Amino acid sequence: MKSVSLCRVVLAAILGALTLLPFGCAMDQLGESTAEGHRRHRRVLRINRQEMMADIDRALLLDKPSKLTDKRIP
């Protein structure tokens, strides 16, 4: 009885792990050459990096111009 339930748990874990594998990332889209796929991946990475830097700038309050003056106040 315990071995049957253990087998079911192991089988469920294996099937769950298989669903997490990135099968879609390795496949090219129909009608897309290898160079186009690389270009698309580079573009996505570039956009993600830009968005991440914008988020970091916003978190560190670097996205707004400084309101400090460059004039000396007596």
C-alpha atoms as a PDB file:
ATOM      1  CA  MET A   1       0.000   0.000   0.000  1.00  0.00           C
ATOM      2  CA  LYS A   2       2.794   2.430   0.896  1.00  0.00           C
ATOM      3  CA  SER A   3       4.790   1.490  -2.192  1.00  0.00           C
ATOM      4  CA  VAL A   4       1.823   2.306  -4.454  1.00  0.00           C
ATOM      5  CA  SER A   5       1.373   5.732  -2.908  1.00  0.00           C
ATOM      6  CA  LEU A   6       5.136   6.331  -3.047  1.00  0.00           C
ATOM      7  CA  CYS A   7       5.121   5.422  -6.741  1.00  0.00           C
ATOM      8  CA  ARG A   8       2.274   7.847  -7.350  1.00  0.00           C
ATOM      9  CA  VAL A   9       4.140  10.647  -5.548  1.00  0.00           C
ATOM     10  CA  VAL A  10       7.321   9.974  -7.533  1.00  0.00           C
ATOM     11  CA  LEU A  11       5.368   9.822 -10.784  1.00  0.00           C
ATOM     12  CA  ALA A  12       3.588  13.087  -9.969  1.00  0.00           C
ATOM     13  CA  ALA A  13       6.927  14.738  -9.151  1.00  0.00           C
ATOM     14  CA  ILE A  14       8.448  13.579 -12.446  1.00  0.00           C
ATOM     15  CA  LEU A  15       5.438  14.756 -14.458  1.00  0.00           C
ATOM     16  CA  GLY A  16       5.474  18.070 -12.606  1.00  0.00           C
ATOM     17  CA  ALA A  17       9.172  18.547 -13.376  1.00  0.00           C
ATOM     18  CA  LEU A  18       8.593  17.771 -17.049  1.00  0.00           C
ATOM     19  CA  THR A  19       5.967  20.492 -17.297  1.00  0.00           C
ATOM     20  CA  LEU A  20       8.489  23.057 -16.037  1.00  0.00           C
ATOM     21  CA  LEU A  21      11.043  22.320 -18.766  1.00  0.00           C
ATOM     22  CA  PRO A  22      11.308  25.139 -21.315  1.00  0.00           C
ATOM     23  CA  PHE A  23      10.294  23.227 -24.418  1.00  0.00           C
ATOM     24  CA  GLY A  24       9.035  26.378 -26.149  1.00  0.00           C
ATOM     25  CA  CYS A  25      12.328  28.249 -25.832  1.00  0.00           C
ATOM     26  CA  ALA A  26      14.320  25.722 -27.825  1.00  0.00           C
ATOM     27  CA  MET A  27      11.914  25.635 -30.741  1.00  0.00           C
ATOM     28  CA  ASP A  28      12.097  28.108 -33.608  1.00  0.00           C
ATOM     29  CA  GLN A  29       8.956  29.760 -34.793  1.00  0.00           C
ATOM     30  CA  LEU A  30       7.619  28.737 -38.172  1.00  0.00           C
ATOM     31  CA  GLY A  31       9.106  30.748 -40.998  1.00  0.00           C
ATOM     32  CA  GLU A  32      11.898  32.168 -38.829  1.00  0.00           C
ATOM     33  CA  SER A  33      15.544  31.656 -39.697  1.00  0.00           C
ATOM     34  CA  THR A  34      18.242  31.070 -37.097  1.00  0.00           C
ATOM     35  CA  ALA A  35      19.562  34.621 -37.541  1.00  0.00           C
ATOM     36  CA  GLU A  36      16.080  36.050 -37.013  1.00  0.00           C
ATOM     37  CA  GLY A  37      15.692  33.956 -33.872  1.00  0.00           C
ATOM     38  CA  HIS A  38      18.993  35.254 -32.496  1.00  0.00           C
ATOM     39  CA  ARG A  39      17.984  38.826 -33.361  1.00  0.00           C
ATOM     40  CA  ARG A  40      14.665  38.365 -31.571  1.00  0.00           C
ATOM     41  CA  HIS A  41      16.382  36.945 -28.480  1.00  0.00           C
ATOM     42  CA  ARG A  42      18.913  39.815 -28.400  1.00  0.00           C
ATOM     43  CA  ARG A  43      16.077  42.330 -28.741  1.00  0.00           C
ATOM     44  CA  VAL A  44      14.111  40.756 -25.878  1.00  0.00           C
ATOM     45  CA  LEU A  45      17.211  40.704 -23.664  1.00  0.00           C
ATOM     46  CA  ARG A  46      17.987  44.347 -24.516  1.00  0.00           C
ATOM     47  CA  ILE A  47      14.432  45.457 -23.721  1.00  0.00           C
ATOM     48  CA  ASN A  48      14.420  43.482 -20.450  1.00  0.00           C
ATOM     49  CA  ARG A  49      17.750  45.062 -19.443  1.00  0.00           C
ATOM     50  CA  GLN A  50      16.427  48.562 -20.217  1.00  0.00           C
ATOM     51  CA  GLU A  51      13.266  47.960 -18.200  1.00  0.00           C
ATOM     52  CA  MET A  52      15.271  46.551 -15.292  1.00  0.00           C
ATOM     53  CA  MET A  53      17.557  49.614 -15.288  1.00  0.00           C
ATOM     54  CA  ALA A  54      14.518  51.913 -15.365  1.00  0.00           C
ATOM     55  CA  ASP A  55      13.044  50.051 -12.384  1.00  0.00           C
ATOM     56  CA  ILE A  56      16.311  50.322 -10.453  1.00  0.00           C
ATOM     57  CA  ASP A  57      16.563  54.038 -11.257  1.00  0.00           C
ATOM     58  CA  ARG A  58      13.001  54.548 -10.044  1.00  0.00           C
ATOM     59  CA  ALA A  59      13.705  52.616  -6.821  1.00  0.00           C
ATOM     60  CA  LEU A  60      16.832  54.680  -6.147  1.00  0.00           C
ATOM     61  CA  LEU A  61      14.998  57.910  -7.060  1.00  0.00           C
ATOM     62  CA  LEU A  62      17.364  58.582  -9.958  1.00  0.00           C
ATOM     63  CA  ASP A  63      14.631  58.922 -12.566  1.00  0.00           C
ATOM     64  CA  LYS A  64      13.730  62.532 -11.736  1.00  0.00           C
ATOM     65  CA  PRO A  65      15.937  65.555 -12.332  1.00  0.00           C
ATOM     66  CA  SER A  66      17.637  67.109  -9.341  1.00  0.00           C
ATOM     67  CA  LYS A  67      15.988  70.228  -7.947  1.00  0.00           C
ATOM     68  CA  LEU A  68      19.277  71.440  -6.498  1.00  0.00           C
ATOM     69  CA  THR A  69      20.516  74.741  -7.825  1.00  0.00           C
ATOM     70  CA  ASP A  70      23.948  75.339  -9.243  1.00  0.00           C
ATOM     71  CA  LYS A  71      23.865  78.935  -7.953  1.00  0.00           C
ATOM     72  CA  ARG A  72      25.542  79.865  -4.703  1.00  0.00           C
ATOM     73  CA  ILE A  73      23.064  81.227  -2.174  1.00  0.00           C
ATOM     74  CA  PRO A  74      24.535  83.818   0.262  1.00  0.00           C
END
